[in-house]
Amino acid sequence: MNVIAYLIPISIILGGIGLLGFVFTVKSRQYEDPEGDAQRILSGDYDDKPKA
């Protein structure tokens, strides 16, 4: 039963870290245009150099 006393706070902390990471990615607009990204992958019209 002592293990639960350790596992619950650890899981809450890890969940909070995951939530903060998700909020950061939403605020940095990484999910803005998923359909356009899919079309660019399939079209083959891309440069060898990534855009800065």
PDB file of N, CA and C in Angstrom:
ATOM      1  N   MET A   1       0.811  -1.195   0.000  1.00  0.00           N
ATOM      2  CA  MET A   1       0.000   0.000   0.000  1.00  0.00           C
ATOM      3  C   MET A   1       0.858   1.263   0.000  1.00  0.00           C
ATOM      4  N   ASN A   2       2.090   1.174   0.478  1.00  0.00           N
ATOM      5  CA  ASN A   2       2.963   2.345   0.474  1.00  0.00           C
ATOM      6  C   ASN A   2       3.346   2.770  -0.935  1.00  0.00           C
ATOM      7  N   VAL A   3       3.318   1.827  -1.874  1.00  0.00           N
ATOM      8  CA  VAL A   3       3.691   2.145  -3.246  1.00  0.00           C
ATOM      9  C   VAL A   3       2.713   3.153  -3.844  1.00  0.00           C
ATOM     10  N   ILE A   4       1.454   3.052  -3.507  1.00  0.00           N
ATOM     11  CA  ILE A   4       0.448   3.973  -4.036  1.00  0.00           C
ATOM     12  C   ILE A   4       0.747   5.405  -3.595  1.00  0.00           C
ATOM     13  N   ALA A   5       1.290   5.566  -2.404  1.00  0.00           N
ATOM     14  CA  ALA A   5       1.630   6.907  -1.918  1.00  0.00           C
ATOM     15  C   ALA A   5       2.714   7.550  -2.774  1.00  0.00           C
ATOM     16  N   TYR A   6       3.530   6.750  -3.434  1.00  0.00           N
ATOM     17  CA  TYR A   6       4.563   7.275  -4.333  1.00  0.00           C
ATOM     18  C   TYR A   6       4.052   7.408  -5.765  1.00  0.00           C
ATOM     19  N   LEU A   7       3.259   6.457  -6.196  1.00  0.00           N
ATOM     20  CA  LEU A   7       2.833   6.435  -7.590  1.00  0.00           C
ATOM     21  C   LEU A   7       1.828   7.539  -7.936  1.00  0.00           C
ATOM     22  N   ILE A   8       0.941   7.864  -7.032  1.00  0.00           N
ATOM     23  CA  ILE A   8      -0.062   8.897  -7.321  1.00  0.00           C
ATOM     24  C   ILE A   8       0.588  10.263  -7.541  1.00  0.00           C
ATOM     25  N   PRO A   9       1.461  10.747  -6.664  1.00  0.00           N
ATOM     26  CA  PRO A   9       2.093  12.046  -6.946  1.00  0.00           C
ATOM     27  C   PRO A   9       2.974  12.025  -8.199  1.00  0.00           C
ATOM     28  N   ILE A  10       3.668  10.923  -8.429  1.00  0.00           N
ATOM     29  CA  ILE A  10       4.503  10.827  -9.625  1.00  0.00           C
ATOM     30  C   ILE A  10       3.639  10.902 -10.875  1.00  0.00           C
ATOM     31  N   SER A  11       2.506  10.202 -10.883  1.00  0.00           N
ATOM     32  CA  SER A  11       1.641  10.233 -12.065  1.00  0.00           C
ATOM     33  C   SER A  11       1.013  11.616 -12.257  1.00  0.00           C
ATOM     34  N   ILE A  12       0.691  12.305 -11.184  1.00  0.00           N
ATOM     35  CA  ILE A  12       0.141  13.658 -11.298  1.00  0.00           C
ATOM     36  C   ILE A  12       1.195  14.609 -11.861  1.00  0.00           C
ATOM     37  N   ILE A  13       2.428  14.484 -11.406  1.00  0.00           N
ATOM     38  CA  ILE A  13       3.508  15.338 -11.910  1.00  0.00           C
ATOM     39  C   ILE A  13       3.762  15.066 -13.388  1.00  0.00           C
ATOM     40  N   LEU A  14       3.828  13.804 -13.777  1.00  0.00           N
ATOM     41  CA  LEU A  14       4.063  13.469 -15.180  1.00  0.00           C
ATOM     42  C   LEU A  14       2.895  13.916 -16.061  1.00  0.00           C
ATOM     43  N   GLY A  15       1.687  13.785 -15.573  1.00  0.00           N
ATOM     44  CA  GLY A  15       0.525  14.274 -16.318  1.00  0.00           C
ATOM     45  C   GLY A  15       0.559  15.781 -16.487  1.00  0.00           C
ATOM     46  N   GLY A  16       0.984  16.495 -15.440  1.00  0.00           N
ATOM     47  CA  GLY A  16       1.110  17.948 -15.531  1.00  0.00           C
ATOM     48  C   GLY A  16       2.175  18.365 -16.537  1.00  0.00           C
ATOM     49  N   ILE A  17       3.287  17.626 -16.570  1.00  0.00           N
ATOM     50  CA  ILE A  17       4.339  17.915 -17.549  1.00  0.00           C
ATOM     51  C   ILE A  17       3.809  17.694 -18.963  1.00  0.00           C
ATOM     52  N   GLY A  18       3.067  16.619 -19.168  1.00  0.00           N
ATOM     53  CA  GLY A  18       2.479  16.359 -20.482  1.00  0.00           C
ATOM     54  C   GLY A  18       1.482  17.437 -20.874  1.00  0.00           C
ATOM     55  N   LEU A  19       0.674  17.871 -19.930  1.00  0.00           N
ATOM     56  CA  LEU A  19      -0.298  18.936 -20.199  1.00  0.00           C
ATOM     57  C   LEU A  19       0.399  20.242 -20.553  1.00  0.00           C
ATOM     58  N   LEU A  20       1.457  20.584 -19.828  1.00  0.00           N
ATOM     59  CA  LEU A  20       2.212  21.798 -20.138  1.00  0.00           C
ATOM     60  C   LEU A  20       2.849  21.704 -21.521  1.00  0.00           C
ATOM     61  N   GLY A  21       3.349  20.538 -21.879  1.00  0.00           N
ATOM     62  CA  GLY A  21       3.914  20.360 -23.215  1.00  0.00           C
ATOM     63  C   GLY A  21       2.862  20.536 -24.286  1.00  0.00           C
ATOM     64  N   PHE A  22       1.677  19.995 -24.074  1.00  0.00           N
ATOM     65  CA  PHE A  22       0.588  20.147 -25.041  1.00  0.00           C
ATOM     66  C   PHE A  22       0.169  21.603 -25.182  1.00  0.00           C
ATOM     67  N   VAL A  23       0.034  22.304 -24.073  1.00  0.00           N
ATOM     68  CA  VAL A  23      -0.351  23.718 -24.111  1.00  0.00           C
ATOM     69  C   VAL A  23       0.718  24.516 -24.857  1.00  0.00           C
ATOM     70  N   PHE A  24       1.991  24.206 -24.639  1.00  0.00           N
ATOM     71  CA  PHE A  24       3.068  24.900 -25.338  1.00  0.00           C
ATOM     72  C   PHE A  24       2.957  24.683 -26.846  1.00  0.00           C
ATOM     73  N   THR A  25       2.694  23.457 -27.286  1.00  0.00           N
ATOM     74  CA  THR A  25       2.602  23.198 -28.722  1.00  0.00           C
ATOM     75  C   THR A  25       1.383  23.881 -29.336  1.00  0.00           C
ATOM     76  N   VAL A  26       0.288  23.967 -28.599  1.00  0.00           N
ATOM     77  CA  VAL A  26      -0.900  24.662 -29.113  1.00  0.00           C
ATOM     78  C   VAL A  26      -0.616  26.156 -29.231  1.00  0.00           C
ATOM     79  N   LYS A  27       0.040  26.735 -28.229  1.00  0.00           N
ATOM     80  CA  LYS A  27       0.339  28.167 -28.276  1.00  0.00           C
ATOM     81  C   LYS A  27       1.371  28.506 -29.337  1.00  0.00           C
ATOM     82  N   SER A  28       2.242  27.561 -29.686  1.00  0.00           N
ATOM     83  CA  SER A  28       3.229  27.827 -30.731  1.00  0.00           C
ATOM     84  C   SER A  28       2.682  27.476 -32.110  1.00  0.00           C
ATOM     85  N   ARG A  29       1.384  27.181 -32.185  1.00  0.00           N
ATOM     86  CA  ARG A  29       0.630  26.980 -33.437  1.00  0.00           C
ATOM     87  C   ARG A  29       1.176  25.840 -34.286  1.00  0.00           C
ATOM     88  N   GLN A  30       1.533  24.740 -33.667  1.00  0.00           N
ATOM     89  CA  GLN A  30       2.047  23.604 -34.416  1.00  0.00           C
ATOM     90  C   GLN A  30       0.938  22.781 -35.065  1.00  0.00           C
ATOM     91  N   TYR A  31      -0.297  22.971 -34.651  1.00  0.00           N
ATOM     92  CA  TYR A  31      -1.417  22.198 -35.199  1.00  0.00           C
ATOM     93  C   TYR A  31      -2.274  23.036 -36.129  1.00  0.00           C
ATOM     94  N   GLU A  32      -1.724  24.096 -36.672  1.00  0.00           N
ATOM     95  CA  GLU A  32      -2.532  25.063 -37.404  1.00  0.00           C
ATOM     96  C   GLU A  32      -3.055  24.528 -38.740  1.00  0.00           C
ATOM     97  N   ASP A  33      -2.218  23.848 -39.518  1.00  0.00           N
ATOM     98  CA  ASP A  33      -2.625  23.446 -40.867  1.00  0.00           C
ATOM     99  C   ASP A  33      -2.240  21.990 -41.150  1.00  0.00           C
ATOM    100  N   PRO A  34      -2.865  21.022 -40.491  1.00  0.00           N
ATOM    101  CA  PRO A  34      -2.485  19.628 -40.731  1.00  0.00           C
ATOM    102  C   PRO A  34      -2.864  19.140 -42.130  1.00  0.00           C
ATOM    103  N   GLU A  35      -3.941  19.674 -42.702  1.00  0.00           N
ATOM    104  CA  GLU A  35      -4.343  19.246 -44.043  1.00  0.00           C
ATOM    105  C   GLU A  35      -3.340  19.728 -45.090  1.00  0.00           C
ATOM    106  N   GLY A  36      -2.850  20.937 -44.942  1.00  0.00           N
ATOM    107  CA  GLY A  36      -1.849  21.451 -45.862  1.00  0.00           C
ATOM    108  C   GLY A  36      -0.545  20.669 -45.773  1.00  0.00           C
ATOM    109  N   ASP A  37      -0.160  20.285 -44.559  1.00  0.00           N
ATOM    110  CA  ASP A  37       1.046  19.476 -44.391  1.00  0.00           C
ATOM    111  C   ASP A  37       0.895  18.132 -45.087  1.00  0.00           C
ATOM    112  N   ALA A  38      -0.261  17.530 -44.974  1.00  0.00           N
ATOM    113  CA  ALA A  38      -0.493  16.233 -45.622  1.00  0.00           C
ATOM    114  C   ALA A  38      -0.422  16.370 -47.137  1.00  0.00           C
ATOM    115  N   GLN A  39      -0.952  17.452 -47.669  1.00  0.00           N
ATOM    116  CA  GLN A  39      -0.916  17.658 -49.115  1.00  0.00           C
ATOM    117  C   GLN A  39       0.508  17.910 -49.605  1.00  0.00           C
ATOM    118  N   ARG A  40       1.298  18.633 -48.842  1.00  0.00           N
ATOM    119  CA  ARG A  40       2.688  18.885 -49.240  1.00  0.00           C
ATOM    120  C   ARG A  40       3.507  17.609 -49.239  1.00  0.00           C
ATOM    121  N   ILE A  41       3.245  16.708 -48.311  1.00  0.00           N
ATOM    122  CA  ILE A  41       3.978  15.445 -48.266  1.00  0.00           C
ATOM    123  C   ILE A  41       3.651  14.615 -49.507  1.00  0.00           C
ATOM    124  N   LEU A  42       2.377  14.580 -49.902  1.00  0.00           N
ATOM    125  CA  LEU A  42       1.955  13.739 -51.014  1.00  0.00           C
ATOM    126  C   LEU A  42       2.264  14.340 -52.375  1.00  0.00           C
ATOM    127  N   SER A  43       2.373  15.661 -52.464  1.00  0.00           N
ATOM    128  CA  SER A  43       2.543  16.290 -53.773  1.00  0.00           C
ATOM    129  C   SER A  43       3.938  16.087 -54.338  1.00  0.00           C
ATOM    130  N   GLY A  44       4.944  16.009 -53.517  1.00  0.00           N
ATOM    131  CA  GLY A  44       6.302  15.841 -54.003  1.00  0.00           C
ATOM    132  C   GLY A  44       6.955  17.146 -54.406  1.00  0.00           C
ATOM    133  N   ASP A  45       6.255  18.261 -54.281  1.00  0.00           N
ATOM    134  CA  ASP A  45       6.815  19.568 -54.603  1.00  0.00           C
ATOM    135  C   ASP A  45       7.437  20.164 -53.346  1.00  0.00           C
ATOM    136  N   TYR A  46       8.651  19.786 -53.095  1.00  0.00           N
ATOM    137  CA  TYR A  46       9.332  20.291 -51.918  1.00  0.00           C
ATOM    138  C   TYR A  46      10.807  20.490 -52.240  1.00  0.00           C
ATOM    139  N   ASP A  47      11.417  21.370 -51.501  1.00  0.00           N
ATOM    140  CA  ASP A  47      12.841  21.653 -51.663  1.00  0.00           C
ATOM    141  C   ASP A  47      13.653  20.675 -50.817  1.00  0.00           C
ATOM    142  N   ASP A  48      14.909  20.492 -51.213  1.00  0.00           N
ATOM    143  CA  ASP A  48      15.796  19.650 -50.398  1.00  0.00           C
ATOM    144  C   ASP A  48      16.206  20.350 -49.107  1.00  0.00           C
ATOM    145  N   LYS A  49      16.201  21.681 -49.132  1.00  0.00           N
ATOM    146  CA  LYS A  49      16.611  22.448 -47.970  1.00  0.00           C
ATOM    147  C   LYS A  49      15.366  22.874 -47.184  1.00  0.00           C
ATOM    148  N   PRO A  50      15.394  22.710 -45.870  1.00  0.00           N
ATOM    149  CA  PRO A  50      14.255  23.169 -45.084  1.00  0.00           C
ATOM    150  C   PRO A  50      14.223  24.692 -45.028  1.00  0.00           C
ATOM    151  N   LYS A  51      13.018  25.236 -44.907  1.00  0.00           N
ATOM    152  CA  LYS A  51      12.858  26.681 -44.824  1.00  0.00           C
ATOM    153  C   LYS A  51      13.170  27.136 -43.424  1.00  0.00           C
ATOM    154  N   ALA A  52      13.818  28.269 -43.315  1.00  0.00           N
ATOM    155  CA  ALA A  52      14.202  28.783 -41.993  1.00  0.00           C
ATOM    156  C   ALA A  52      13.148  29.647 -41.394  1.00  0.00           C
TER     157      ALA A  52
END
